[in-house]
Amino acid sequence: MQYGVAAQEELRKESRQTFSLSANPRVEVLNINDQVTIQTYDADEAEVQIIRRANRKRDLKYHTVRIEHTPDCLVVKGTEDRA
């Protein structure tokens, strides 16, 4: 994962993961408050790239993205971890 500072002190955290999937998987995107782009191609895997942005470091810590994966399903969902 990478941390960086963009213009106007915006913080950014990026991650990338690859998952093996079946031929016709279900993909769900839940509770995400930013742009989501889904691209498909002829392969048995999916690459998920997540770029999170915030003005404060604590917002990056508390507002997280979780990925749930089975061969037939990929779920990407935003969560709040305030524990």
PDB file of N, CA and C in Angstrom:
ATOM      1  N   MET A   1       0.834  -1.172   0.000  1.00  0.00           N
ATOM      2  CA  MET A   1       0.000   0.000   0.000  1.00  0.00           C
ATOM      3  C   MET A   1       0.878   1.235   0.000  1.00  0.00           C
ATOM      4  N   GLN A   2       0.360   2.256  -0.631  1.00  0.00           N
ATOM      5  CA  GLN A   2       1.131   3.481  -0.751  1.00  0.00           C
ATOM      6  C   GLN A   2       0.374   4.628  -0.110  1.00  0.00           C
ATOM      7  N   TYR A   3       1.105   5.501   0.556  1.00  0.00           N
ATOM      8  CA  TYR A   3       0.534   6.734   1.073  1.00  0.00           C
ATOM      9  C   TYR A   3       1.169   7.880   0.309  1.00  0.00           C
ATOM     10  N   GLY A   4       0.401   8.912   0.067  1.00  0.00           N
ATOM     11  CA  GLY A   4       0.952  10.066  -0.631  1.00  0.00           C
ATOM     12  C   GLY A   4       0.146  11.297  -0.298  1.00  0.00           C
ATOM     13  N   VAL A   5       0.697  12.447  -0.586  1.00  0.00           N
ATOM     14  CA  VAL A   5       0.002  13.705  -0.370  1.00  0.00           C
ATOM     15  C   VAL A   5      -0.131  14.388  -1.717  1.00  0.00           C
ATOM     16  N   ALA A   6      -1.359  14.686  -2.107  1.00  0.00           N
ATOM     17  CA  ALA A   6      -1.627  15.363  -3.369  1.00  0.00           C
ATOM     18  C   ALA A   6      -1.855  16.847  -3.099  1.00  0.00           C
ATOM     19  N   ALA A   7      -2.266  17.579  -4.104  1.00  0.00           N
ATOM     20  CA  ALA A   7      -2.536  19.007  -3.966  1.00  0.00           C
ATOM     21  C   ALA A   7      -3.565  19.244  -2.874  1.00  0.00           C
ATOM     22  N   GLN A   8      -3.455  20.376  -2.177  1.00  0.00           N
ATOM     23  CA  GLN A   8      -4.366  20.776  -1.114  1.00  0.00           C
ATOM     24  C   GLN A   8      -4.337  19.805   0.057  1.00  0.00           C
ATOM     25  N   GLU A   9      -3.229  19.169   0.308  1.00  0.00           N
ATOM     26  CA  GLU A   9      -3.034  18.280   1.458  1.00  0.00           C
ATOM     27  C   GLU A   9      -3.997  17.090   1.492  1.00  0.00           C
ATOM     28  N   GLU A  10      -4.517  16.685   0.349  1.00  0.00           N
ATOM     29  CA  GLU A  10      -5.370  15.506   0.305  1.00  0.00           C
ATOM     30  C   GLU A  10      -4.504  14.267   0.495  1.00  0.00           C
ATOM     31  N   LEU A  11      -4.905  13.400   1.419  1.00  0.00           N
ATOM     32  CA  LEU A  11      -4.192  12.148   1.639  1.00  0.00           C
ATOM     33  C   LEU A  11      -4.769  11.084   0.729  1.00  0.00           C
ATOM     34  N   ARG A  12      -3.949  10.102   0.417  1.00  0.00           N
ATOM     35  CA  ARG A  12      -4.345   9.081  -0.543  1.00  0.00           C
ATOM     36  C   ARG A  12      -3.729   7.757  -0.115  1.00  0.00           C
ATOM     37  N   LYS A  13      -4.519   6.692  -0.210  1.00  0.00           N
ATOM     38  CA  LYS A  13      -4.039   5.349   0.088  1.00  0.00           C
ATOM     39  C   LYS A  13      -4.497   4.436  -1.038  1.00  0.00           C
ATOM     40  N   GLU A  14      -3.563   3.688  -1.600  1.00  0.00           N
ATOM     41  CA  GLU A  14      -3.860   2.843  -2.755  1.00  0.00           C
ATOM     42  C   GLU A  14      -3.499   1.398  -2.461  1.00  0.00           C
ATOM     43  N   SER A  15      -4.359   0.477  -2.912  1.00  0.00           N
ATOM     44  CA  SER A  15      -4.049  -0.945  -2.803  1.00  0.00           C
ATOM     45  C   SER A  15      -4.537  -1.650  -4.061  1.00  0.00           C
ATOM     46  N   ARG A  16      -3.941  -2.800  -4.340  1.00  0.00           N
ATOM     47  CA  ARG A  16      -4.291  -3.573  -5.529  1.00  0.00           C
ATOM     48  C   ARG A  16      -4.200  -5.052  -5.160  1.00  0.00           C
ATOM     49  N   GLN A  17      -5.273  -5.809  -5.488  1.00  0.00           N
ATOM     50  CA  GLN A  17      -5.303  -7.243  -5.213  1.00  0.00           C
ATOM     51  C   GLN A  17      -5.906  -7.964  -6.405  1.00  0.00           C
ATOM     52  N   THR A  18      -5.497  -9.215  -6.598  1.00  0.00           N
ATOM     53  CA  THR A  18      -6.021 -10.038  -7.679  1.00  0.00           C
ATOM     54  C   THR A  18      -6.700 -11.262  -7.082  1.00  0.00           C
ATOM     55  N   PHE A  19      -7.873 -11.611  -7.645  1.00  0.00           N
ATOM     56  CA  PHE A  19      -8.672 -12.730  -7.144  1.00  0.00           C
ATOM     57  C   PHE A  19      -9.037 -13.657  -8.293  1.00  0.00           C
ATOM     58  N   SER A  20      -8.980 -14.966  -8.035  1.00  0.00           N
ATOM     59  CA  SER A  20      -9.424 -15.957  -9.021  1.00  0.00           C
ATOM     60  C   SER A  20     -10.943 -16.054  -8.962  1.00  0.00           C
ATOM     61  N   LEU A  21     -11.586 -16.101 -10.135  1.00  0.00           N
ATOM     62  CA  LEU A  21     -13.043 -16.153 -10.206  1.00  0.00           C
ATOM     63  C   LEU A  21     -13.492 -17.201 -11.205  1.00  0.00           C
ATOM     64  N   SER A  22     -14.744 -17.642 -11.061  1.00  0.00           N
ATOM     65  CA  SER A  22     -15.338 -18.580 -12.006  1.00  0.00           C
ATOM     66  C   SER A  22     -15.734 -17.828 -13.281  1.00  0.00           C
ATOM     67  N   ALA A  23     -16.318 -18.546 -14.226  1.00  0.00           N
ATOM     68  CA  ALA A  23     -16.631 -17.965 -15.533  1.00  0.00           C
ATOM     69  C   ALA A  23     -17.655 -16.827 -15.472  1.00  0.00           C
ATOM     70  N   ASN A  24     -18.660 -16.912 -14.617  1.00  0.00           N
ATOM     71  CA  ASN A  24     -19.711 -15.880 -14.546  1.00  0.00           C
ATOM     72  C   ASN A  24     -19.936 -15.442 -13.101  1.00  0.00           C
ATOM     73  N   PRO A  25     -19.001 -14.750 -12.516  1.00  0.00           N
ATOM     74  CA  PRO A  25     -19.136 -14.390 -11.099  1.00  0.00           C
ATOM     75  C   PRO A  25     -20.117 -13.236 -10.891  1.00  0.00           C
ATOM     76  N   ARG A  26     -20.630 -13.151  -9.684  1.00  0.00           N
ATOM     77  CA  ARG A  26     -21.438 -12.003  -9.271  1.00  0.00           C
ATOM     78  C   ARG A  26     -20.485 -10.991  -8.653  1.00  0.00           C
ATOM     79  N   VAL A  27     -20.625  -9.725  -9.016  1.00  0.00           N
ATOM     80  CA  VAL A  27     -19.791  -8.654  -8.467  1.00  0.00           C
ATOM     81  C   VAL A  27     -20.712  -7.637  -7.814  1.00  0.00           C
ATOM     82  N   GLU A  28     -20.422  -7.309  -6.557  1.00  0.00           N
ATOM     83  CA  GLU A  28     -21.216  -6.324  -5.827  1.00  0.00           C
ATOM     84  C   GLU A  28     -20.298  -5.227  -5.308  1.00  0.00           C
ATOM     85  N   VAL A  29     -20.767  -3.984  -5.409  1.00  0.00           N
ATOM     86  CA  VAL A  29     -20.068  -2.835  -4.841  1.00  0.00           C
ATOM     87  C   VAL A  29     -21.069  -2.163  -3.919  1.00  0.00           C
ATOM     88  N   LEU A  30     -20.729  -2.092  -2.626  1.00  0.00           N
ATOM     89  CA  LEU A  30     -21.665  -1.595  -1.627  1.00  0.00           C
ATOM     90  C   LEU A  30     -21.052  -0.468  -0.807  1.00  0.00           C
ATOM     91  N   ASN A  31     -21.825   0.566  -0.562  1.00  0.00           N
ATOM     92  CA  ASN A  31     -21.465   1.610   0.397  1.00  0.00           C
ATOM     93  C   ASN A  31     -20.168   2.339   0.037  1.00  0.00           C
ATOM     94  N   ILE A  32     -19.948   2.572  -1.232  1.00  0.00           N
ATOM     95  CA  ILE A  32     -18.772   3.302  -1.701  1.00  0.00           C
ATOM     96  C   ILE A  32     -19.229   4.688  -2.135  1.00  0.00           C
ATOM     97  N   ASN A  33     -18.584   5.731  -1.608  1.00  0.00           N
ATOM     98  CA  ASN A  33     -18.996   7.103  -1.893  1.00  0.00           C
ATOM     99  C   ASN A  33     -18.041   7.809  -2.845  1.00  0.00           C
ATOM    100  N   ASP A  34     -17.559   7.111  -3.828  1.00  0.00           N
ATOM    101  CA  ASP A  34     -16.656   7.703  -4.802  1.00  0.00           C
ATOM    102  C   ASP A  34     -16.829   6.955  -6.115  1.00  0.00           C
ATOM    103  N   GLN A  35     -16.069   7.325  -7.092  1.00  0.00           N
ATOM    104  CA  GLN A  35     -16.162   6.707  -8.413  1.00  0.00           C
ATOM    105  C   GLN A  35     -15.737   5.249  -8.361  1.00  0.00           C
ATOM    106  N   VAL A  36     -16.492   4.411  -9.058  1.00  0.00           N
ATOM    107  CA  VAL A  36     -16.173   2.993  -9.191  1.00  0.00           C
ATOM    108  C   VAL A  36     -16.188   2.655 -10.678  1.00  0.00           C
ATOM    109  N   THR A  37     -15.123   2.033 -11.150  1.00  0.00           N
ATOM    110  CA  THR A  37     -15.041   1.594 -12.535  1.00  0.00           C
ATOM    111  C   THR A  37     -14.820   0.096 -12.539  1.00  0.00           C
ATOM    112  N   ILE A  38     -15.633  -0.622 -13.296  1.00  0.00           N
ATOM    113  CA  ILE A  38     -15.484  -2.072 -13.410  1.00  0.00           C
ATOM    114  C   ILE A  38     -15.222  -2.393 -14.870  1.00  0.00           C
ATOM    115  N   GLN A  39     -14.118  -3.083 -15.124  1.00  0.00           N
ATOM    116  CA  GLN A  39     -13.771  -3.491 -16.474  1.00  0.00           C
ATOM    117  C   GLN A  39     -13.679  -5.006 -16.507  1.00  0.00           C
ATOM    118  N   THR A  40     -14.119  -5.583 -17.593  1.00  0.00           N
ATOM    119  CA  THR A  40     -14.036  -7.032 -17.736  1.00  0.00           C
ATOM    120  C   THR A  40     -13.120  -7.386 -18.905  1.00  0.00           C
ATOM    121  N   TYR A  41     -12.598  -8.586 -18.848  1.00  0.00           N
ATOM    122  CA  TYR A  41     -11.795  -9.117 -19.941  1.00  0.00           C
ATOM    123  C   TYR A  41     -11.823 -10.622 -19.846  1.00  0.00           C
ATOM    124  N   ASP A  42     -11.353 -11.289 -20.852  1.00  0.00           N
ATOM    125  CA  ASP A  42     -11.452 -12.745 -20.950  1.00  0.00           C
ATOM    126  C   ASP A  42     -10.359 -13.405 -20.110  1.00  0.00           C
ATOM    127  N   ALA A  43     -10.639 -13.552 -18.817  1.00  0.00           N
ATOM    128  CA  ALA A  43      -9.686 -14.198 -17.901  1.00  0.00           C
ATOM    129  C   ALA A  43     -10.451 -14.741 -16.705  1.00  0.00           C
ATOM    130  N   ASP A  44      -9.816 -15.594 -15.925  1.00  0.00           N
ATOM    131  CA  ASP A  44     -10.471 -16.187 -14.761  1.00  0.00           C
ATOM    132  C   ASP A  44     -10.038 -15.498 -13.467  1.00  0.00           C
ATOM    133  N   GLU A  45      -9.754 -14.220 -13.560  1.00  0.00           N
ATOM    134  CA  GLU A  45      -9.381 -13.468 -12.373  1.00  0.00           C
ATOM    135  C   GLU A  45      -9.837 -12.021 -12.497  1.00  0.00           C
ATOM    136  N   ALA A  46      -9.880 -11.372 -11.351  1.00  0.00           N
ATOM    137  CA  ALA A  46     -10.236  -9.951 -11.311  1.00  0.00           C
ATOM    138  C   ALA A  46      -9.171  -9.223 -10.509  1.00  0.00           C
ATOM    139  N   GLU A  47      -8.802  -8.054 -10.983  1.00  0.00           N
ATOM    140  CA  GLU A  47      -7.881  -7.204 -10.243  1.00  0.00           C
ATOM    141  C   GLU A  47      -8.694  -6.054  -9.657  1.00  0.00           C
ATOM    142  N   VAL A  48      -8.575  -5.861  -8.357  1.00  0.00           N
ATOM    143  CA  VAL A  48      -9.279  -4.788  -7.679  1.00  0.00           C
ATOM    144  C   VAL A  48      -8.253  -3.751  -7.259  1.00  0.00           C
ATOM    145  N   GLN A  49      -8.412  -2.551  -7.767  1.00  0.00           N
ATOM    146  CA  GLN A  49      -7.545  -1.433  -7.387  1.00  0.00           C
ATOM    147  C   GLN A  49      -8.409  -0.453  -6.613  1.00  0.00           C
ATOM    148  N   ILE A  50      -7.968  -0.124  -5.416  1.00  0.00           N
ATOM    149  CA  ILE A  50      -8.712   0.790  -4.559  1.00  0.00           C
ATOM    150  C   ILE A  50      -7.842   2.006  -4.296  1.00  0.00           C
ATOM    151  N   ILE A  51      -8.388   3.174  -4.592  1.00  0.00           N
ATOM    152  CA  ILE A  51      -7.707   4.431  -4.291  1.00  0.00           C
ATOM    153  C   ILE A  51      -8.621   5.200  -3.351  1.00  0.00           C
ATOM    154  N   ARG A  52      -8.190   5.339  -2.119  1.00  0.00           N
ATOM    155  CA  ARG A  52      -8.981   6.058  -1.118  1.00  0.00           C
ATOM    156  C   ARG A  52      -8.360   7.428  -0.890  1.00  0.00           C
ATOM    157  N   ARG A  53      -9.222   8.438  -0.731  1.00  0.00           N
ATOM    158  CA  ARG A  53      -8.760   9.808  -0.519  1.00  0.00           C
ATOM    159  C   ARG A  53      -9.460  10.388   0.696  1.00  0.00           C
ATOM    160  N   ALA A  54      -8.743  11.236   1.423  1.00  0.00           N
ATOM    161  CA  ALA A  54      -9.324  11.915   2.584  1.00  0.00           C
ATOM    162  C   ALA A  54      -8.490  13.154   2.894  1.00  0.00           C
ATOM    163  N   ASN A  55      -9.088  14.053   3.635  1.00  0.00           N
ATOM    164  CA  ASN A  55      -8.366  15.249   4.067  1.00  0.00           C
ATOM    165  C   ASN A  55      -7.633  15.034   5.379  1.00  0.00           C
ATOM    166  N   ARG A  56      -8.033  13.994   6.124  1.00  0.00           N
ATOM    167  CA  ARG A  56      -7.383  13.712   7.414  1.00  0.00           C
ATOM    168  C   ARG A  56      -6.974  12.245   7.480  1.00  0.00           C
ATOM    169  N   LYS A  57      -5.848  11.975   8.102  1.00  0.00           N
ATOM    170  CA  LYS A  57      -5.327  10.609   8.219  1.00  0.00           C
ATOM    171  C   LYS A  57      -6.314   9.705   8.963  1.00  0.00           C
ATOM    172  N   ARG A  58      -6.982  10.239   9.977  1.00  0.00           N
ATOM    173  CA  ARG A  58      -7.917   9.412  10.741  1.00  0.00           C
ATOM    174  C   ARG A  58      -9.102   8.960   9.880  1.00  0.00           C
ATOM    175  N   ASP A  59      -9.482   9.766   8.878  1.00  0.00           N
ATOM    176  CA  ASP A  59     -10.558   9.336   7.986  1.00  0.00           C
ATOM    177  C   ASP A  59     -10.135   8.143   7.140  1.00  0.00           C
ATOM    178  N   LEU A  60      -8.876   8.106   6.714  1.00  0.00           N
ATOM    179  CA  LEU A  60      -8.373   6.928   5.991  1.00  0.00           C
ATOM    180  C   LEU A  60      -8.374   5.706   6.902  1.00  0.00           C
ATOM    181  N   LYS A  61      -8.085   5.918   8.165  1.00  0.00           N
ATOM    182  CA  LYS A  61      -8.043   4.806   9.120  1.00  0.00           C
ATOM    183  C   LYS A  61      -9.445   4.261   9.394  1.00  0.00           C
ATOM    184  N   TYR A  62     -10.420   5.132   9.586  1.00  0.00           N
ATOM    185  CA  TYR A  62     -11.760   4.701   9.989  1.00  0.00           C
ATOM    186  C   TYR A  62     -12.651   4.291   8.826  1.00  0.00           C
ATOM    187  N   HIS A  63     -12.503   4.913   7.692  1.00  0.00           N
ATOM    188  CA  HIS A  63     -13.312   4.568   6.525  1.00  0.00           C
ATOM    189  C   HIS A  63     -12.501   3.604   5.664  1.00  0.00           C
ATOM    190  N   THR A  64     -12.822   2.340   5.768  1.00  0.00           N
ATOM    191  CA  THR A  64     -12.039   1.306   5.104  1.00  0.00           C
ATOM    192  C   THR A  64     -12.856   0.634   4.000  1.00  0.00           C
ATOM    193  N   VAL A  65     -12.187  -0.162   3.212  1.00  0.00           N
ATOM    194  CA  VAL A  65     -12.846  -0.957   2.174  1.00  0.00           C
ATOM    195  C   VAL A  65     -12.497  -2.413   2.437  1.00  0.00           C
ATOM    196  N   ARG A  66     -13.523  -3.237   2.514  1.00  0.00           N
ATOM    197  CA  ARG A  66     -13.340  -4.674   2.723  1.00  0.00           C
ATOM    198  C   ARG A  66     -13.717  -5.423   1.445  1.00  0.00           C
ATOM    199  N   ILE A  67     -12.997  -6.506   1.188  1.00  0.00           N
ATOM    200  CA  ILE A  67     -13.272  -7.336   0.017  1.00  0.00           C
ATOM    201  C   ILE A  67     -13.588  -8.743   0.495  1.00  0.00           C
ATOM    202  N   GLU A  68     -14.742  -9.250   0.070  1.00  0.00           N
ATOM    203  CA  GLU A  68     -15.128 -10.634   0.348  1.00  0.00           C
ATOM    204  C   GLU A  68     -15.090 -11.367  -0.982  1.00  0.00           C
ATOM    205  N   HIS A  69     -14.538 -12.583  -0.962  1.00  0.00           N
ATOM    206  CA  HIS A  69     -14.286 -13.267  -2.222  1.00  0.00           C
ATOM    207  C   HIS A  69     -14.553 -14.755  -2.112  1.00  0.00           C
ATOM    208  N   THR A  70     -15.270 -15.286  -3.080  1.00  0.00           N
ATOM    209  CA  THR A  70     -15.371 -16.719  -3.340  1.00  0.00           C
ATOM    210  C   THR A  70     -15.184 -16.871  -4.850  1.00  0.00           C
ATOM    211  N   PRO A  71     -15.014 -18.076  -5.360  1.00  0.00           N
ATOM    212  CA  PRO A  71     -14.867 -18.219  -6.815  1.00  0.00           C
ATOM    213  C   PRO A  71     -16.067 -17.686  -7.603  1.00  0.00           C
ATOM    214  N   ASP A  72     -17.248 -17.665  -6.983  1.00  0.00           N
ATOM    215  CA  ASP A  72     -18.459 -17.230  -7.681  1.00  0.00           C
ATOM    216  C   ASP A  72     -18.895 -15.807  -7.355  1.00  0.00           C
ATOM    217  N   CYS A  73     -18.211 -15.141  -6.436  1.00  0.00           N
ATOM    218  CA  CYS A  73     -18.688 -13.830  -5.996  1.00  0.00           C
ATOM    219  C   CYS A  73     -17.533 -12.962  -5.505  1.00  0.00           C
ATOM    220  N   LEU A  74     -17.610 -11.682  -5.841  1.00  0.00           N
ATOM    221  CA  LEU A  74     -16.648 -10.695  -5.367  1.00  0.00           C
ATOM    222  C   LEU A  74     -17.451  -9.508  -4.843  1.00  0.00           C
ATOM    223  N   VAL A  75     -17.266  -9.189  -3.552  1.00  0.00           N
ATOM    224  CA  VAL A  75     -17.985  -8.091  -2.921  1.00  0.00           C
ATOM    225  C   VAL A  75     -16.963  -7.074  -2.426  1.00  0.00           C
ATOM    226  N   VAL A  76     -17.133  -5.830  -2.838  1.00  0.00           N
ATOM    227  CA  VAL A  76     -16.274  -4.722  -2.405  1.00  0.00           C
ATOM    228  C   VAL A  76     -17.185  -3.758  -1.661  1.00  0.00           C
ATOM    229  N   LYS A  77     -16.897  -3.533  -0.356  1.00  0.00           N
ATOM    230  CA  LYS A  77     -17.803  -2.665   0.390  1.00  0.00           C
ATOM    231  C   LYS A  77     -17.056  -1.720   1.327  1.00  0.00           C
ATOM    232  N   GLY A  78     -17.593  -0.535   1.401  1.00  0.00           N
ATOM    233  CA  GLY A  78     -17.057   0.465   2.312  1.00  0.00           C
ATOM    234  C   GLY A  78     -17.596   0.226   3.705  1.00  0.00           C
ATOM    235  N   THR A  79     -16.728   0.426   4.713  1.00  0.00           N
ATOM    236  CA  THR A  79     -17.125   0.238   6.105  1.00  0.00           C
ATOM    237  C   THR A  79     -16.532   1.360   6.953  1.00  0.00           C
ATOM    238  N   GLU A  80     -17.046   1.475   8.166  1.00  0.00           N
ATOM    239  CA  GLU A  80     -16.482   2.396   9.138  1.00  0.00           C
ATOM    240  C   GLU A  80     -15.983   1.589  10.317  1.00  0.00           C
ATOM    241  N   ASP A  81     -14.693   1.651  10.588  1.00  0.00           N
ATOM    242  CA  ASP A  81     -14.070   0.955  11.712  1.00  0.00           C
ATOM    243  C   ASP A  81     -13.739   1.970  12.777  1.00  0.00           C
ATOM    244  N   ARG A  82     -14.662   2.243  13.657  1.00  0.00           N
ATOM    245  CA  ARG A  82     -14.421   3.236  14.706  1.00  0.00           C
ATOM    246  C   ARG A  82     -14.075   2.587  16.037  1.00  0.00           C
ATOM    247  N   ALA A  83     -13.691   1.317  16.022  1.00  0.00           N
ATOM    248  CA  ALA A  83     -13.359   0.608  17.271  1.00  0.00           C
ATOM    249  C   ALA A  83     -12.066   1.092  17.865  1.00  0.00           C
TER     250      ALA A  83
END
